[in-house]
Structure formats: structure tokens, C-alpha cells
Amino acid sequence: MTRTMTTAVVTDYGTPGVLEIREVPVPRPRPGEALVAAVASTVNPVDVKTRTPGTVQTIPRFPATLGWDLAGIVVDAPADSPVSVGDRVIAMHPPEADGTGCWSQYITVPVERLVTAPASVDLVTAATLPLAGLTAAQALGRLALQPCERLLVTGASGSVGGIAVQLAAMQGLDVSGLVRRESTAETVRALGAHEVFTDMDAAGAFDAVFDTAGVLVPALVRPGGRLVTVSDDDIPDELAVKASSAVHNYVGHDPAGLARLVSLVDSGALILRVAETFPLSRVADAHHALEAGGLDGKVVVTM
């Protein structure tokens, strides 16, 4: 008899109402893949954009399962694999063209993408690390900040922004945050920001800006400064001319980089934040929570 599992799918573009819970066969790993029993995933802004009509994010086929973050336990692996049955693992595993993704009870993943999960936190918390952590680390690497330079992180209370503030502070950089609400400013200070602004007009101009919130404002970048954004919005011509570099940055697979972030979590240097947790059956509510905003950390979906 075919084993089945629960998965969440989007049936069309639209509101969270297009999300459905379905029973589907448990996937069989192909050569070079492990089968992971998922414990948790997350809902990210990219998932909301992908579900929403008219964005640059598209879905090749419906129904489709979304979700980029995976935390779980290996239940099947190749004999020569670096992971074994019973291992606690995490991975950044974007939705596949065949309609599979991380909002499922079982997931097949290429073994080279799997990284040992942090030992110091549970798997629900560990699920918040892969996409947000790699996005922040890769963007900061692209900015290539020098010790004397000032960095502004927009959306600094969010999951990507909060990790970026922490990583910059670890490097001894002069990092400031821009947030929408004064209620989140103290959180960002605790993560390592020297200053936190709610009014961008008071922030001044910075040597480098890491934009996680679609705040593409020329006044925030000094002449000859640099900007990296994870927004899909067009970079204004005025900003592109003013800066020496103003670019979009899209996250890439980097298991070795993810393993370094795990080490920072286990050393206590990097704090992971869970804002709200929802069971898979309430994945639509998880979308509503993310879209409402004002969260201190990540929205997690448990399997």
C-alpha cells in the first residue's frame, strides 16, 4: 500500500484562501537524495510573493507546494551519504519545478544541501536559519564593508534584517537599523545596532545600505556608497547614479556557509527568533500573520 503524507499546496494565484491541505504519496528519493521527515518549515516573504498574482515570482505548475526552509530528521539516505538515518538536519531547499516544496511531512533533498542542525536549539527554531541566514550573510559579503564604514540595515527587525545586524556587529562594524515601529527598536539595539531609526529623514547617509524592506531611497546612500537590496523593486535611476554600486542580490545555495552560521548559533553568538508558530493545517493563517507585519522574528510552520 502506498504511504501518504500531508502537504500544503497553492491551487492558483491569489489570497491565502488558495492554500489547501492535501494527502499525497510520500516521495521516493532518487540517487543522491535523502528522505527527510520534516519537523518544521517557515513562511517567507518570497512565498507570499510567489502566491500573489502579478509579481516576478511565478509557479510553473499547479497545484504546487511552496516553502524554502527545512528542519527535520533523516529517515533514508544513500549508503555513501555524509548524512545518516536519525541525523537532525536543516537545508535551504527552494520549491521545485515539479511542484514539490518544504511544506510537506516528508521531503527528498540532495544530500549535499543538508547541514547538521544546531545542537543548541530545537528544530522548530532551527528552521528559521537557512534562507534568512544565507540571504543576510551573502548580502553582507557582497557589500564588502571596511571597519571604518557605516552600514544601515532596513527592515532591521525582520528575520533577514535581524540576522544581518548581528553578523555585522560580530565583525565590529558600525551598523544601524531602520524600522517602522518604535516598539521594535529596542529589539534591534539588543541585536547589536548602534542606532535605530524610525524616521528615514533623520537617519542621514551611509557608506553601505542593506535593504531588506524595499526602502530604495537615494538620501540614505552617500555619494559613492553601495546598496544591496533583496527587494524585487526597480532601483531608482537617481540612486543607481549616486552609488558606486546598487544591485539586487538573490540568495544562492551554500551549505558550507550555512554550516558556519550553525556554528555561530551553537556558540551563542547568533540568536534565532520565532515570532509565531502554526501547524501545517493552518498554513493560511501563517500567511495572514506574515502579511499583517509587525513580527519580532519568523513565522514557523510545524508538521
Protein backbone atom coordinates (compact mmCIF):
# COMPACT_ATOMS: atom_id res chain seq x y z
CA MET A 1 0.00 0.00 0.00
CA THR A 2 1.31 3.46 -0.91
CA ARG A 3 2.28 5.57 2.08
CA THR A 4 0.76 9.04 2.14
CA MET A 5 1.63 12.31 3.81
CA THR A 6 0.09 15.70 4.37
CA THR A 7 1.21 18.65 2.28
CA ALA A 8 0.05 22.25 1.75
CA VAL A 9 -0.46 23.37 -1.84
CA VAL A 10 -1.42 26.53 -3.66
CA THR A 11 -4.08 25.80 -6.26
CA ASP A 12 -3.85 29.14 -8.08
CA TYR A 13 -2.53 32.66 -7.61
CA GLY A 14 -4.44 34.67 -5.06
CA THR A 15 -5.07 35.30 -1.36
CA PRO A 16 -4.18 32.78 1.38
CA GLY A 17 -7.52 31.18 0.51
CA VAL A 18 -5.83 29.43 -2.44
CA LEU A 19 -3.89 27.26 0.05
CA GLU A 20 -5.22 23.73 0.56
CA ILE A 21 -4.17 20.76 2.69
CA ARG A 22 -3.94 17.51 0.73
CA GLU A 23 -2.85 13.91 1.14
CA VAL A 24 -0.24 12.82 -1.40
CA PRO A 25 2.15 9.87 -1.74
CA VAL A 26 5.38 10.02 0.27
CA PRO A 27 8.15 10.76 -2.27
CA ARG A 28 10.85 8.24 -3.05
CA PRO A 29 14.43 9.55 -3.01
CA ARG A 30 16.34 9.43 -6.25
CA PRO A 31 20.06 8.61 -6.40
CA GLY A 32 21.99 11.17 -4.36
CA GLU A 33 18.95 12.20 -2.33
CA ALA A 34 17.92 11.66 1.28
CA LEU A 35 14.37 11.41 2.58
CA VAL A 36 13.78 13.79 5.48
CA ALA A 37 10.86 13.73 7.89
CA ALA A 38 10.16 17.43 8.22
CA VAL A 39 9.63 18.85 11.69
CA ALA A 40 9.26 22.49 10.65
CA SER A 41 9.46 24.96 7.80
CA THR A 42 8.73 28.69 7.58
CA VAL A 43 6.69 31.22 5.64
CA ASN A 44 8.90 33.82 3.98
CA PRO A 45 8.07 36.97 2.01
CA VAL A 46 9.13 35.11 -1.14
CA ASP A 47 6.36 32.57 -0.50
CA VAL A 48 3.79 35.35 -0.24
CA LYS A 49 5.12 36.95 -3.44
CA THR A 50 5.05 33.61 -5.25
CA ARG A 51 1.42 33.05 -4.26
CA THR A 52 0.40 36.60 -5.22
CA PRO A 53 -0.55 37.34 -8.84
CA GLY A 54 1.42 39.91 -10.81
CA THR A 55 4.82 39.55 -9.11
CA VAL A 56 8.10 38.44 -10.66
CA GLN A 57 7.83 35.16 -8.74
CA THR A 58 6.00 32.54 -10.81
CA ILE A 59 4.74 29.00 -10.30
CA PRO A 60 5.49 26.57 -13.17
CA ARG A 61 2.51 24.32 -12.41
CA PHE A 62 -0.47 23.96 -10.07
CA PRO A 63 -1.02 22.57 -7.53
CA ALA A 64 2.35 23.49 -6.05
CA THR A 65 3.91 23.21 -2.62
CA LEU A 66 5.99 26.21 -1.54
CA GLY A 67 8.46 26.71 1.33
CA TRP A 68 12.24 27.25 1.28
CA ASP A 69 13.32 26.25 4.80
CA LEU A 70 13.61 22.69 6.09
CA ALA A 71 14.40 21.31 9.52
CA GLY A 72 13.88 17.62 10.16
CA ILE A 73 15.27 14.13 10.69
CA VAL A 74 16.80 11.88 8.04
CA VAL A 75 14.77 8.69 7.56
CA ASP A 76 16.50 7.33 4.46
CA ALA A 77 19.89 8.12 2.91
CA PRO A 78 22.31 6.59 0.40
CA ALA A 79 24.91 4.25 1.86
CA ASP A 80 27.77 6.57 0.90
CA SER A 81 26.00 9.70 2.12
CA PRO A 82 27.53 12.21 4.56
CA VAL A 83 24.22 12.04 6.49
CA SER A 84 22.75 9.03 8.25
CA VAL A 85 19.32 7.89 9.34
CA GLY A 86 18.40 9.72 12.54
CA ASP A 87 20.50 12.81 11.87
CA ARG A 88 18.94 16.20 12.70
CA VAL A 89 19.39 18.37 9.60
CA ILE A 90 18.48 21.70 8.07
CA ALA A 91 18.59 22.94 4.50
CA MET A 92 17.61 25.73 2.19
CA HIS A 93 15.52 23.84 -0.35
CA PRO A 94 13.52 26.06 -2.72
CA PRO A 95 10.32 24.82 -4.37
CA GLU A 96 10.98 22.54 -7.32
CA ALA A 97 9.61 22.81 -10.85
CA ASP A 98 7.69 19.56 -10.31
CA GLY A 99 5.52 21.27 -7.68
CA THR A 100 7.22 19.92 -4.55
CA GLY A 101 8.40 22.12 -1.67
CA CYS A 102 9.10 22.21 2.04
CA TRP A 103 5.52 22.46 3.36
CA SER A 104 5.25 18.67 3.47
CA GLN A 105 5.71 15.97 6.08
CA TYR A 106 8.40 14.23 4.00
CA ILE A 107 10.83 15.82 1.57
CA THR A 108 13.53 14.43 -0.72
CA VAL A 109 16.66 16.59 -0.72
CA PRO A 110 20.05 16.26 -2.46
CA VAL A 111 22.40 15.12 0.29
CA GLU A 112 24.89 17.89 -0.47
CA ARG A 113 22.32 20.52 0.61
CA LEU A 114 21.83 19.02 4.08
CA VAL A 115 23.66 20.51 7.04
CA THR A 116 23.74 19.26 10.62
CA ALA A 117 21.18 21.24 12.61
CA PRO A 118 22.27 23.41 15.54
CA ALA A 119 22.52 21.31 18.69
CA SER A 120 21.64 24.22 20.97
CA VAL A 121 18.11 24.88 19.66
CA ASP A 122 15.13 22.74 18.76
CA LEU A 123 14.27 22.01 15.14
CA VAL A 124 11.35 24.44 15.16
CA THR A 125 13.78 27.26 15.92
CA ALA A 126 16.45 25.86 13.59
CA ALA A 127 14.03 26.11 10.66
CA THR A 128 14.34 29.90 10.81
CA LEU A 129 18.03 29.85 9.86
CA PRO A 130 18.66 28.64 6.27
CA LEU A 131 17.06 31.20 3.93
CA ALA A 132 17.29 34.22 6.21
CA GLY A 133 20.82 33.43 7.39
CA LEU A 134 22.24 32.80 3.93
CA THR A 135 20.49 35.85 2.48
CA ALA A 136 21.99 38.09 5.16
CA ALA A 137 25.48 36.59 5.01
CA GLN A 138 25.70 36.72 1.22
CA ALA A 139 24.44 40.30 1.02
CA LEU A 140 26.95 41.49 3.61
CA GLY A 141 29.70 39.67 1.75
CA ARG A 142 28.76 41.48 -1.42
CA LEU A 143 28.87 44.87 0.32
CA ALA A 144 32.45 44.10 1.46
CA LEU A 145 32.41 46.63 4.28
CA GLN A 146 35.58 48.07 5.76
CA PRO A 147 35.93 48.66 9.53
CA CYS A 148 35.67 52.44 9.13
CA GLU A 149 32.41 52.34 7.15
CA ARG A 150 28.85 52.78 8.39
CA LEU A 151 26.13 50.30 7.46
CA LEU A 152 22.35 50.75 7.51
CA VAL A 153 20.06 47.72 7.52
CA THR A 154 16.47 48.49 6.53
CA GLY A 155 13.77 46.23 7.92
CA ALA A 156 16.21 45.52 10.74
CA SER A 157 13.64 43.86 13.00
CA GLY A 158 12.73 41.25 10.39
CA SER A 159 14.26 37.81 10.12
CA VAL A 160 16.84 38.68 7.43
CA GLY A 161 17.50 42.16 8.83
CA GLY A 162 17.91 40.90 12.37
CA ILE A 163 20.49 38.32 11.34
CA ALA A 164 22.30 40.92 9.22
CA VAL A 165 22.54 43.29 12.20
CA GLN A 166 24.00 40.50 14.33
CA LEU A 167 26.53 39.39 11.71
CA ALA A 168 27.67 42.98 11.09
CA ALA A 169 28.04 43.63 14.82
CA MET A 170 30.13 40.46 15.16
CA GLN A 171 32.51 41.90 12.58
CA GLY A 172 32.87 45.07 14.67
CA LEU A 173 31.06 47.19 12.09
CA ASP A 174 29.17 50.40 12.84
CA VAL A 175 25.69 49.09 12.00
CA SER A 176 22.40 50.98 12.33
CA GLY A 177 18.86 49.80 11.75
CA LEU A 178 15.77 51.31 10.15
CA VAL A 179 12.42 50.02 11.43
CA ARG A 180 8.79 51.04 11.04
CA ARG A 181 7.77 50.86 14.69
CA GLU A 182 9.42 52.24 17.80
CA SER A 183 8.24 49.10 19.61
CA THR A 184 10.81 47.03 17.69
CA ALA A 185 13.71 49.47 18.07
CA GLU A 186 14.89 48.05 21.40
CA THR A 187 14.99 44.55 19.93
CA VAL A 188 17.26 45.76 17.13
CA ARG A 189 19.53 47.54 19.61
CA ALA A 190 19.79 44.31 21.58
CA LEU A 191 20.87 42.52 18.40
CA GLY A 192 23.84 44.89 18.10
CA ALA A 193 22.74 48.04 16.26
CA HIS A 194 24.47 51.23 17.41
CA GLU A 195 21.50 53.36 16.35
CA VAL A 196 17.93 52.57 15.34
CA PHE A 197 15.78 54.95 13.30
CA THR A 198 12.06 55.02 12.66
CA ASP A 199 12.31 58.22 10.61
CA MET A 200 14.45 57.78 7.50
CA ASP A 201 14.81 61.56 7.16
CA ALA A 202 16.72 61.56 10.47
CA ALA A 203 18.98 58.67 9.53
CA GLY A 204 21.37 60.53 7.22
CA ALA A 205 23.53 58.90 4.55
CA PHE A 206 25.57 55.71 4.91
CA ASP A 207 28.56 54.14 3.25
CA ALA A 208 26.52 51.00 2.64
CA VAL A 209 22.85 50.03 2.83
CA PHE A 210 21.48 46.51 3.03
CA ASP A 211 17.82 46.86 2.09
CA THR A 212 15.51 44.06 3.20
CA ALA A 213 12.28 46.08 3.08
CA GLY A 214 12.07 47.76 -0.33
CA VAL A 215 13.35 51.10 1.02
CA LEU A 216 15.22 52.31 -2.06
CA VAL A 217 15.76 55.92 -1.03
CA PRO A 218 18.74 57.79 -2.58
CA ALA A 219 19.17 60.02 0.50
CA LEU A 220 20.19 57.01 2.61
CA VAL A 221 23.30 56.32 0.47
CA ARG A 222 26.24 58.70 0.44
CA PRO A 223 27.74 59.66 -2.93
CA GLY A 224 29.91 56.71 -3.99
CA GLY A 225 28.30 54.44 -1.42
CA ARG A 226 26.90 50.96 -2.03
CA LEU A 227 23.48 49.34 -1.80
CA VAL A 228 22.37 45.73 -1.91
CA THR A 229 18.65 45.01 -1.91
CA VAL A 230 16.67 41.78 -1.71
CA SER A 231 13.57 43.62 -2.93
CA ASP A 232 12.28 42.92 -6.42
CA ASP A 233 11.53 46.63 -6.91
CA ASP A 234 13.40 48.61 -9.55
CA ILE A 235 16.35 50.61 -8.23
CA PRO A 236 15.67 54.32 -8.91
CA ASP A 237 17.92 55.92 -11.51
CA GLU A 238 18.93 58.63 -9.05
CA LEU A 239 20.17 56.01 -6.61
CA ALA A 240 21.96 54.00 -9.30
CA VAL A 241 23.83 57.11 -10.45
CA LYS A 242 24.66 58.30 -6.93
CA ALA A 243 26.04 54.97 -5.67
CA SER A 244 29.19 53.27 -6.85
CA SER A 245 27.19 50.02 -6.77
CA ALA A 246 23.45 49.44 -6.38
CA VAL A 247 22.35 45.88 -7.06
CA HIS A 248 19.76 43.23 -6.34
CA ASN A 249 21.06 40.18 -4.53
CA TYR A 250 19.43 36.76 -4.78
CA VAL A 251 20.36 34.03 -2.35
CA GLY A 252 22.31 31.01 -3.58
CA HIS A 253 22.97 27.56 -2.20
CA ASP A 254 25.94 27.48 0.18
CA PRO A 255 25.90 24.51 2.56
CA ALA A 256 29.37 25.41 3.88
CA GLY A 257 28.15 28.94 4.65
CA LEU A 258 25.07 27.53 6.35
CA ALA A 259 27.29 25.28 8.47
CA ARG A 260 29.26 28.36 9.59
CA LEU A 261 26.01 30.01 10.65
CA VAL A 262 25.09 26.87 12.61
CA SER A 263 28.40 27.19 14.47
CA LEU A 264 27.53 30.77 15.38
CA VAL A 265 24.16 29.64 16.74
CA ASP A 266 25.75 26.91 18.81
CA SER A 267 28.37 29.31 20.18
CA GLY A 268 25.60 31.64 21.34
CA ALA A 269 26.78 34.44 19.03
CA LEU A 270 23.77 34.29 16.69
CA ILE A 271 20.23 34.46 18.07
CA LEU A 272 17.31 32.94 16.16
CA ARG A 273 13.83 34.38 16.74
CA VAL A 274 10.48 32.64 16.30
CA ALA A 275 7.60 35.12 16.17
CA GLU A 276 4.66 32.73 15.75
CA THR A 277 4.19 29.00 15.17
CA PHE A 278 1.33 27.38 13.24
CA PRO A 279 0.58 23.73 12.44
CA LEU A 280 0.63 22.83 8.75
CA SER A 281 -3.17 22.63 8.78
CA ARG A 282 -3.21 26.39 9.50
CA VAL A 283 -0.70 27.46 6.87
CA ALA A 284 -3.17 30.03 5.53
CA ASP A 285 -3.24 31.66 8.97
CA ALA A 286 0.56 31.73 8.89
CA HIS A 287 0.36 33.70 5.63
CA HIS A 288 -2.10 36.14 7.16
CA ALA A 289 0.23 36.65 10.14
CA LEU A 290 3.22 37.41 7.93
CA GLU A 291 1.25 39.80 5.74
CA ALA A 292 -0.05 41.67 8.80
CA GLY A 293 3.56 42.55 9.71
CA GLY A 294 4.93 43.83 13.00
CA LEU A 295 6.51 40.48 13.88
CA ASP A 296 9.60 40.01 16.02
CA GLY A 297 11.14 37.09 14.16
CA LYS A 298 10.00 34.35 11.84
CA VAL A 299 6.68 32.65 11.15
CA VAL A 300 7.19 28.88 11.52
CA VAL A 301 5.00 26.04 10.24
CA THR A 302 5.23 22.71 12.10
CA MET A 303 4.48 19.36 10.51
